[in-house]
N, C-alpha and C. Protein backbone atom coordinates (compact mmCIF):
# COMPACT_ATOMS: atom_id res chain seq x y z
N MET A 1 163.28 18.40 -5.02
CA MET A 1 162.32 19.70 -5.38
C MET A 1 161.16 19.35 -4.61
N PHE A 2 160.89 18.26 -5.24
CA PHE A 2 159.25 17.56 -4.86
C PHE A 2 159.18 16.61 -3.35
N ASP A 3 158.44 16.41 -1.96
CA ASP A 3 158.80 15.66 -1.09
C ASP A 3 158.25 14.35 -1.50
N HIS A 4 156.78 15.05 -2.16
CA HIS A 4 155.70 13.49 -2.78
C HIS A 4 155.37 14.05 -3.99
N LEU A 5 154.32 13.53 -4.50
CA LEU A 5 153.21 13.38 -5.45
C LEU A 5 152.14 12.86 -5.31
N GLY A 6 150.74 12.64 -5.71
CA GLY A 6 150.01 12.00 -5.44
C GLY A 6 149.02 12.20 -6.35
N ILE A 7 148.30 11.04 -7.62
CA ILE A 7 147.35 11.63 -8.00
C ILE A 7 145.57 10.29 -7.78
N VAL A 8 144.66 10.93 -8.41
CA VAL A 8 143.54 10.19 -8.23
C VAL A 8 143.39 9.40 -9.02
N VAL A 9 143.03 7.96 -9.12
CA VAL A 9 142.46 7.06 -10.01
C VAL A 9 141.07 6.77 -9.57
N ARG A 10 140.09 5.71 -11.05
CA ARG A 10 138.87 5.36 -10.70
C ARG A 10 139.16 4.26 -9.54
N ASP A 11 140.13 3.23 -10.09
CA ASP A 11 139.87 2.09 -9.83
C ASP A 11 141.38 1.55 -9.34
N LEU A 12 141.65 1.53 -7.85
CA LEU A 12 142.49 0.95 -6.83
C LEU A 12 143.22 -0.15 -7.31
N HIS A 13 142.56 -1.09 -7.47
CA HIS A 13 143.16 -2.34 -8.05
C HIS A 13 143.83 -2.58 -9.70
N THR A 14 143.10 -1.36 -10.19
CA THR A 14 143.41 -1.51 -11.64
C THR A 14 145.15 -0.64 -11.51
N ALA A 15 144.99 0.62 -10.86
CA ALA A 15 146.41 0.62 -10.72
C ALA A 15 147.55 0.58 -10.36
N SER A 16 146.56 -0.46 -9.11
CA SER A 16 148.03 -1.23 -7.91
C SER A 16 148.26 -2.03 -9.50
N ALA A 17 147.97 -2.82 -9.77
CA ALA A 17 148.19 -3.66 -11.02
C ALA A 17 149.54 -3.14 -12.33
N PHE A 18 149.08 -2.20 -12.58
CA PHE A 18 149.67 -0.91 -13.41
C PHE A 18 150.97 -0.77 -12.80
N TYR A 19 151.11 0.25 -11.80
CA TYR A 19 152.01 0.84 -11.09
C TYR A 19 153.02 -0.58 -10.59
N ASP A 20 152.76 -1.42 -9.90
CA ASP A 20 153.49 -2.48 -9.43
C ASP A 20 154.13 -3.29 -10.89
N ALA A 21 153.85 -3.26 -11.47
CA ALA A 21 154.91 -3.04 -12.53
C ALA A 21 155.65 -2.90 -13.68
N VAL A 22 155.00 -1.28 -13.79
CA VAL A 22 156.56 -0.33 -14.41
C VAL A 22 157.49 0.06 -13.29
N LEU A 23 156.82 0.65 -12.03
CA LEU A 23 157.50 0.72 -11.15
C LEU A 23 159.36 0.51 -10.34
N PRO A 24 158.96 -0.93 -10.31
CA PRO A 24 160.46 -1.91 -10.59
C PRO A 24 160.88 -1.51 -11.20
N PRO A 25 161.06 -1.69 -12.80
CA PRO A 25 162.13 -1.85 -13.07
C PRO A 25 163.36 -0.31 -13.35
N ILE A 26 162.04 0.52 -12.92
CA ILE A 26 163.01 1.97 -12.59
C ILE A 26 163.36 2.24 -10.65
N GLY A 27 163.46 0.71 -9.64
CA GLY A 27 163.83 0.64 -8.69
C GLY A 27 163.03 1.85 -7.48
N ILE A 28 161.43 1.44 -8.04
CA ILE A 28 160.43 2.20 -7.38
C ILE A 28 159.49 1.14 -6.91
N VAL A 29 159.18 0.91 -5.70
CA VAL A 29 159.08 -0.32 -5.13
C VAL A 29 156.98 0.09 -4.34
N LEU A 30 156.13 -0.56 -3.60
CA LEU A 30 154.80 -0.25 -2.91
C LEU A 30 155.93 -0.84 -1.81
N MET A 31 156.01 0.75 -0.91
CA MET A 31 156.00 1.01 -0.02
C MET A 31 154.74 0.05 1.48
N GLU A 32 153.52 0.77 1.36
CA GLU A 32 152.35 1.09 1.64
C GLU A 32 151.20 0.47 0.72
N ASN A 33 150.50 -0.57 1.20
CA ASN A 33 148.89 -0.63 0.57
C ASN A 33 148.36 -0.09 1.78
N ASN A 34 146.97 1.24 1.37
CA ASN A 34 146.49 0.75 2.41
C ASN A 34 145.17 0.57 1.71
N ALA A 35 144.79 -0.17 1.11
CA ALA A 35 143.71 0.00 0.18
C ALA A 35 142.54 -0.63 1.17
N ARG A 36 140.97 -0.69 0.73
CA ARG A 36 139.85 -0.41 1.81
C ARG A 36 138.93 -1.58 1.09
N PRO A 37 138.15 -2.56 1.43
CA PRO A 37 137.62 -3.43 1.14
C PRO A 37 136.77 -3.05 0.22
N ASP A 38 136.40 -1.50 0.26
CA ASP A 38 135.47 -0.83 -0.85
C ASP A 38 136.12 -0.75 -2.12
N GLY A 39 137.25 -0.45 -2.29
CA GLY A 39 138.17 -0.36 -3.26
C GLY A 39 138.60 0.91 -3.74
N THR A 40 138.26 1.65 -2.06
CA THR A 40 138.54 3.08 -1.79
C THR A 40 140.29 2.90 -0.81
N GLY A 41 141.09 4.09 -1.30
CA GLY A 41 142.35 3.60 -0.18
C GLY A 41 143.62 4.38 -0.90
N TRP A 42 144.45 3.91 -0.58
CA TRP A 42 145.42 4.83 -1.34
C TRP A 42 147.03 3.62 -1.32
N LEU A 43 147.88 3.46 -1.96
CA LEU A 43 149.81 3.23 -2.16
C LEU A 43 150.60 4.44 -2.06
N VAL A 44 150.85 3.92 -1.79
CA VAL A 44 152.45 4.45 -1.48
C VAL A 44 153.74 4.07 -2.10
N PHE A 45 154.36 4.51 -3.06
CA PHE A 45 155.87 3.96 -3.97
C PHE A 45 156.61 4.51 -3.30
N SER A 46 157.76 4.42 -3.86
CA SER A 46 159.35 4.75 -3.21
C SER A 46 160.54 3.82 -3.20
N ALA A 47 161.38 4.17 -3.50
CA ALA A 47 162.98 3.81 -3.58
C ALA A 47 162.77 3.17 -2.23
N GLY A 48 162.53 3.11 -1.31
CA GLY A 48 162.60 3.22 -0.14
C GLY A 48 163.80 3.68 0.86
N ALA A 49 164.78 4.25 0.25
CA ALA A 49 165.54 5.52 1.11
C ALA A 49 164.67 6.33 2.05
N PRO A 50 165.32 6.03 3.26
CA PRO A 50 164.93 7.03 4.37
C PRO A 50 164.61 8.62 3.72
N GLU A 51 163.73 9.26 4.24
CA GLU A 51 163.09 10.74 3.25
C GLU A 51 163.55 10.61 2.18
N SER A 52 163.52 9.90 1.16
CA SER A 52 163.01 9.69 -0.28
C SER A 52 161.59 10.03 -0.66
N PRO A 53 161.71 11.09 -1.80
CA PRO A 53 160.72 10.68 -2.98
C PRO A 53 160.06 10.47 -2.31
N PHE A 54 158.46 10.34 -2.39
CA PHE A 54 157.23 9.20 -3.11
C PHE A 54 155.81 9.28 -3.35
N PHE A 55 155.51 8.64 -3.85
CA PHE A 55 153.91 8.31 -4.93
C PHE A 55 153.06 7.97 -4.29
N VAL A 56 152.08 8.32 -4.30
CA VAL A 56 151.09 7.98 -4.20
C VAL A 56 149.53 8.13 -4.99
N VAL A 57 148.99 7.05 -5.08
CA VAL A 57 148.36 6.47 -5.93
C VAL A 57 146.70 6.50 -5.32
N ALA A 58 146.04 6.91 -5.44
CA ALA A 58 144.37 7.00 -4.72
C ALA A 58 143.26 6.74 -5.49
N ALA A 59 142.25 6.22 -4.39
CA ALA A 59 140.61 5.73 -4.94
C ALA A 59 140.13 6.43 -3.68
N GLY A 60 138.93 7.39 -4.23
CA GLY A 60 138.11 7.34 -3.38
C GLY A 60 138.39 9.77 -3.47
N ARG A 61 137.66 9.38 -2.37
CA ARG A 61 137.54 11.18 -3.09
C ARG A 61 138.52 12.01 -1.77
N PRO A 62 139.79 12.67 -2.24
CA PRO A 62 140.45 12.62 -0.81
C PRO A 62 139.56 13.97 -0.64
N THR A 63 140.57 14.61 1.12
CA THR A 63 140.29 15.66 1.68
C THR A 63 139.89 16.93 1.12
N PHE A 64 140.86 16.82 -0.26
CA PHE A 64 140.80 18.50 -0.25
C PHE A 64 140.07 18.58 -1.34
N TRP A 65 139.62 17.57 -2.06
CA TRP A 65 138.55 17.83 -3.11
C TRP A 65 136.90 18.64 -3.17
N THR A 66 136.73 18.94 -3.75
CA THR A 66 135.41 19.25 -3.41
C THR A 66 134.22 18.83 -4.78
N ASP A 67 133.80 19.37 -4.28
CA ASP A 67 132.23 18.95 -5.49
C ASP A 67 132.60 18.66 -6.84
N GLU A 68 133.79 19.28 -7.14
CA GLU A 68 133.43 20.14 -9.11
C GLU A 68 134.56 18.92 -9.41
N HIS A 69 135.65 18.20 -8.60
CA HIS A 69 136.61 17.50 -8.55
C HIS A 69 136.12 16.32 -9.26
N GLU A 70 136.81 15.51 -10.52
CA GLU A 70 136.69 14.27 -10.91
C GLU A 70 138.08 13.59 -11.19
N THR A 71 138.56 12.50 -11.10
CA THR A 71 139.21 11.51 -11.46
C THR A 71 139.41 11.28 -12.66
N GLY A 72 140.28 12.29 -13.01
CA GLY A 72 140.89 11.83 -14.85
C GLY A 72 140.37 12.99 -15.34
N ARG A 73 140.03 14.57 -15.06
CA ARG A 73 139.53 15.07 -16.11
C ARG A 73 140.61 15.63 -16.42
N SER A 74 141.80 15.89 -15.60
CA SER A 74 142.65 16.57 -15.73
C SER A 74 143.77 15.85 -15.55
N PRO A 75 144.00 14.88 -16.29
CA PRO A 75 145.30 13.78 -16.98
C PRO A 75 146.52 14.60 -15.99
N ALA A 76 147.53 13.40 -15.04
CA ALA A 76 148.64 14.39 -15.27
C ALA A 76 149.70 13.68 -16.06
N HIS A 77 150.65 14.41 -15.80
CA HIS A 77 152.18 14.65 -16.19
C HIS A 77 152.96 13.72 -15.42
N VAL A 78 153.18 12.71 -14.82
CA VAL A 78 154.42 12.51 -14.04
C VAL A 78 155.61 11.53 -14.51
N ALA A 79 156.73 12.29 -13.96
CA ALA A 79 158.18 12.16 -14.75
C ALA A 79 158.78 10.97 -13.73
N PHE A 80 158.43 9.65 -14.10
CA PHE A 80 160.00 9.46 -12.91
C PHE A 80 161.50 8.91 -13.18
N LYS A 81 162.48 9.20 -12.50
CA LYS A 81 164.02 8.96 -12.96
C LYS A 81 164.01 7.61 -12.73
N ALA A 82 164.94 7.53 -13.64
CA ALA A 82 165.35 5.56 -14.40
C ALA A 82 166.72 5.95 -14.07
N PRO A 83 167.18 4.39 -12.85
CA PRO A 83 169.09 4.62 -13.05
C PRO A 83 169.86 4.27 -14.19
N SER A 84 169.20 4.05 -15.61
CA SER A 84 170.08 3.55 -16.46
C SER A 84 168.92 3.58 -17.95
N ARG A 85 169.45 4.05 -18.54
CA ARG A 85 168.47 3.61 -20.13
C ARG A 85 167.86 1.90 -20.15
N ALA A 86 169.11 1.09 -19.67
CA ALA A 86 168.18 -0.23 -19.47
C ALA A 86 166.74 -0.61 -18.45
N ALA A 87 166.61 0.23 -18.00
CA ALA A 87 165.55 0.11 -16.79
C ALA A 87 164.67 1.77 -17.36
N VAL A 88 164.67 2.19 -18.46
CA VAL A 88 164.09 2.65 -18.98
C VAL A 88 163.01 1.81 -20.08
N ASP A 89 163.96 1.13 -20.66
CA ASP A 89 164.00 0.24 -21.75
C ASP A 89 162.55 -0.81 -20.88
N ALA A 90 162.77 -1.36 -19.83
CA ALA A 90 161.93 -2.71 -18.92
C ALA A 90 160.93 -1.56 -18.40
N PHE A 91 160.93 -0.30 -18.12
CA PHE A 91 159.54 0.47 -17.52
C PHE A 91 158.47 0.52 -19.42
N HIS A 92 159.39 0.93 -20.01
CA HIS A 92 158.15 0.65 -21.02
C HIS A 92 157.90 -0.74 -21.16
N ARG A 93 158.77 -1.67 -21.86
CA ARG A 93 157.65 -2.80 -22.06
C ARG A 93 156.99 -3.39 -20.74
N ALA A 94 157.46 -3.26 -19.08
CA ALA A 94 156.46 -3.85 -18.48
C ALA A 94 154.91 -2.93 -18.67
N GLY A 95 155.42 -1.75 -18.83
CA GLY A 95 153.92 -0.69 -18.90
C GLY A 95 153.16 -1.53 -20.03
N LEU A 96 153.31 -1.53 -21.00
CA LEU A 96 152.55 -2.13 -22.44
C LEU A 96 152.26 -3.14 -21.93
N LEU A 97 152.68 -4.60 -21.45
CA LEU A 97 152.67 -5.86 -21.22
C LEU A 97 151.48 -5.61 -20.09
N ALA A 98 151.36 -4.43 -19.41
CA ALA A 98 150.55 -3.80 -18.14
C ALA A 98 149.05 -3.78 -18.55
N GLY A 99 149.27 -3.02 -20.18
CA GLY A 99 148.05 -2.58 -20.81
C GLY A 99 148.60 -1.02 -20.99
N ALA A 100 149.28 -0.26 -20.62
CA ALA A 100 149.37 0.82 -21.10
C ALA A 100 149.13 1.18 -22.28
N THR A 101 149.19 2.52 -22.63
CA THR A 101 149.25 2.90 -24.10
C THR A 101 150.12 3.41 -24.71
N ASN A 102 151.29 2.97 -25.61
CA ASN A 102 152.33 3.75 -25.78
C ASN A 102 152.15 5.17 -26.54
N ASN A 103 152.97 6.53 -25.67
CA ASN A 103 152.93 7.54 -25.36
C ASN A 103 154.34 8.23 -25.78
N GLY A 104 155.22 7.22 -26.64
CA GLY A 104 156.31 7.66 -26.93
C GLY A 104 157.85 6.41 -26.64
N ASP A 105 158.15 6.11 -27.19
CA ASP A 105 159.12 5.08 -27.79
C ASP A 105 160.45 5.40 -26.75
N PRO A 106 160.75 3.91 -26.48
CA PRO A 106 162.63 4.79 -25.35
C PRO A 106 163.56 5.33 -26.53
N GLY A 107 164.20 7.00 -26.29
CA GLY A 107 164.80 6.86 -27.29
C GLY A 107 165.20 8.48 -26.34
N VAL A 108 166.12 9.28 -27.38
CA VAL A 108 167.12 9.99 -26.71
C VAL A 108 166.00 11.52 -27.07
N ARG A 109 166.14 12.86 -25.88
CA ARG A 109 165.54 13.47 -26.23
C ARG A 109 166.23 14.97 -25.04
N ARG A 110 166.18 16.02 -26.06
CA ARG A 110 167.00 16.80 -25.06
C ARG A 110 167.75 17.01 -24.82
N GLY A 111 169.11 16.68 -25.75
CA GLY A 111 170.16 16.15 -25.17
C GLY A 111 170.67 14.79 -24.89
N ARG A 112 171.16 14.44 -23.83
CA ARG A 112 171.34 13.14 -23.60
C ARG A 112 170.26 12.57 -22.67
N TYR A 113 169.11 12.80 -22.43
CA TYR A 113 167.86 12.57 -21.84
C TYR A 113 167.31 11.43 -22.84
N TYR A 114 167.79 10.59 -21.87
CA TYR A 114 166.81 8.81 -22.53
C TYR A 114 165.28 8.52 -21.64
N CYS A 115 164.15 8.60 -22.66
CA CYS A 115 163.07 8.34 -21.92
C CYS A 115 162.09 7.62 -22.60
N ALA A 116 161.10 7.24 -21.82
CA ALA A 116 159.81 6.75 -22.62
C ALA A 116 158.28 7.14 -22.01
N PHE A 117 157.48 7.19 -22.83
CA PHE A 117 156.39 7.95 -22.39
C PHE A 117 154.89 6.83 -22.04
N LEU A 118 154.63 6.51 -21.49
CA LEU A 118 153.17 5.77 -21.08
C LEU A 118 151.89 6.57 -20.88
N ILE A 119 151.08 5.95 -21.70
CA ILE A 119 149.68 6.75 -20.67
C ILE A 119 149.20 5.29 -19.94
N ASP A 120 148.95 5.96 -18.40
CA ASP A 120 148.25 4.75 -17.83
C ASP A 120 146.98 4.41 -17.91
N PRO A 121 145.65 3.70 -17.26
CA PRO A 121 144.73 3.33 -17.17
C PRO A 121 143.57 4.19 -16.70
N ASP A 122 144.13 5.33 -16.07
CA ASP A 122 143.35 6.90 -16.03
C ASP A 122 144.25 7.80 -17.21
N GLY A 123 144.52 7.65 -18.22
CA GLY A 123 144.96 8.63 -18.95
C GLY A 123 145.92 9.47 -18.44
N ASN A 124 147.12 9.00 -17.82
CA ASN A 124 147.66 10.21 -17.32
C ASN A 124 149.36 10.02 -18.11
N ASN A 125 149.91 10.67 -18.15
CA ASN A 125 151.16 10.75 -19.36
C ASN A 125 152.27 10.18 -18.07
N ILE A 126 152.34 9.56 -18.00
CA ILE A 126 153.77 8.05 -17.00
C ILE A 126 155.54 8.39 -18.20
N GLU A 127 156.06 8.82 -17.53
CA GLU A 127 157.20 9.06 -17.78
C GLU A 127 158.05 8.28 -17.24
N ALA A 128 159.85 7.77 -17.50
CA ALA A 128 161.02 7.42 -16.72
C ALA A 128 162.22 7.73 -18.12
N GLY A 129 163.06 8.50 -16.94
CA GLY A 129 163.97 9.10 -18.04
C GLY A 129 165.22 9.00 -16.88
N VAL A 130 166.50 9.55 -18.20
CA VAL A 130 167.83 9.21 -17.29
C VAL A 130 168.69 10.37 -18.12
N TYR A 131 169.46 10.82 -17.70
CA TYR A 131 170.07 12.05 -17.91
C TYR A 131 171.44 10.98 -17.96
N ALA A 132 172.15 10.58 -18.69
CA ALA A 132 173.52 9.46 -18.43
C ALA A 132 173.09 8.90 -19.74
N ASP A 133 174.42 8.02 -20.24
CA ASP A 133 174.73 7.29 -21.48
C ASP A 133 174.88 6.19 -21.42
N THR A 134 174.44 5.58 -20.04
CA THR A 134 174.46 3.96 -19.44
C THR A 134 172.97 3.30 -19.80
């Protein structure tokens, strides 16, 4: 349904360390690092397949913002599709080790949907889940 999704963070270095830890267990890796010396810029994460959806993490003021916009004022909920239950578990463990706040242990919700929730350093609710019995 989506081609890409982006969030704006307060500190690109902190966000980079967090997402570099939690996304690889679910098959998503850093594809582009466009960090600038002043701490602004953006990172692009993806599974790497041609034309696959991607996730952008940015610091600084995006061109579409107005003066009223602020980072983290309205936290986002971002759910990533995981390849397996083991990957969901690894995502959750990596997030806790990277300093995330637990917002829901790995477990079954909504029938056979297995997922886990973390609060990232900017207050966003980050989820990984899989519809499978694997």
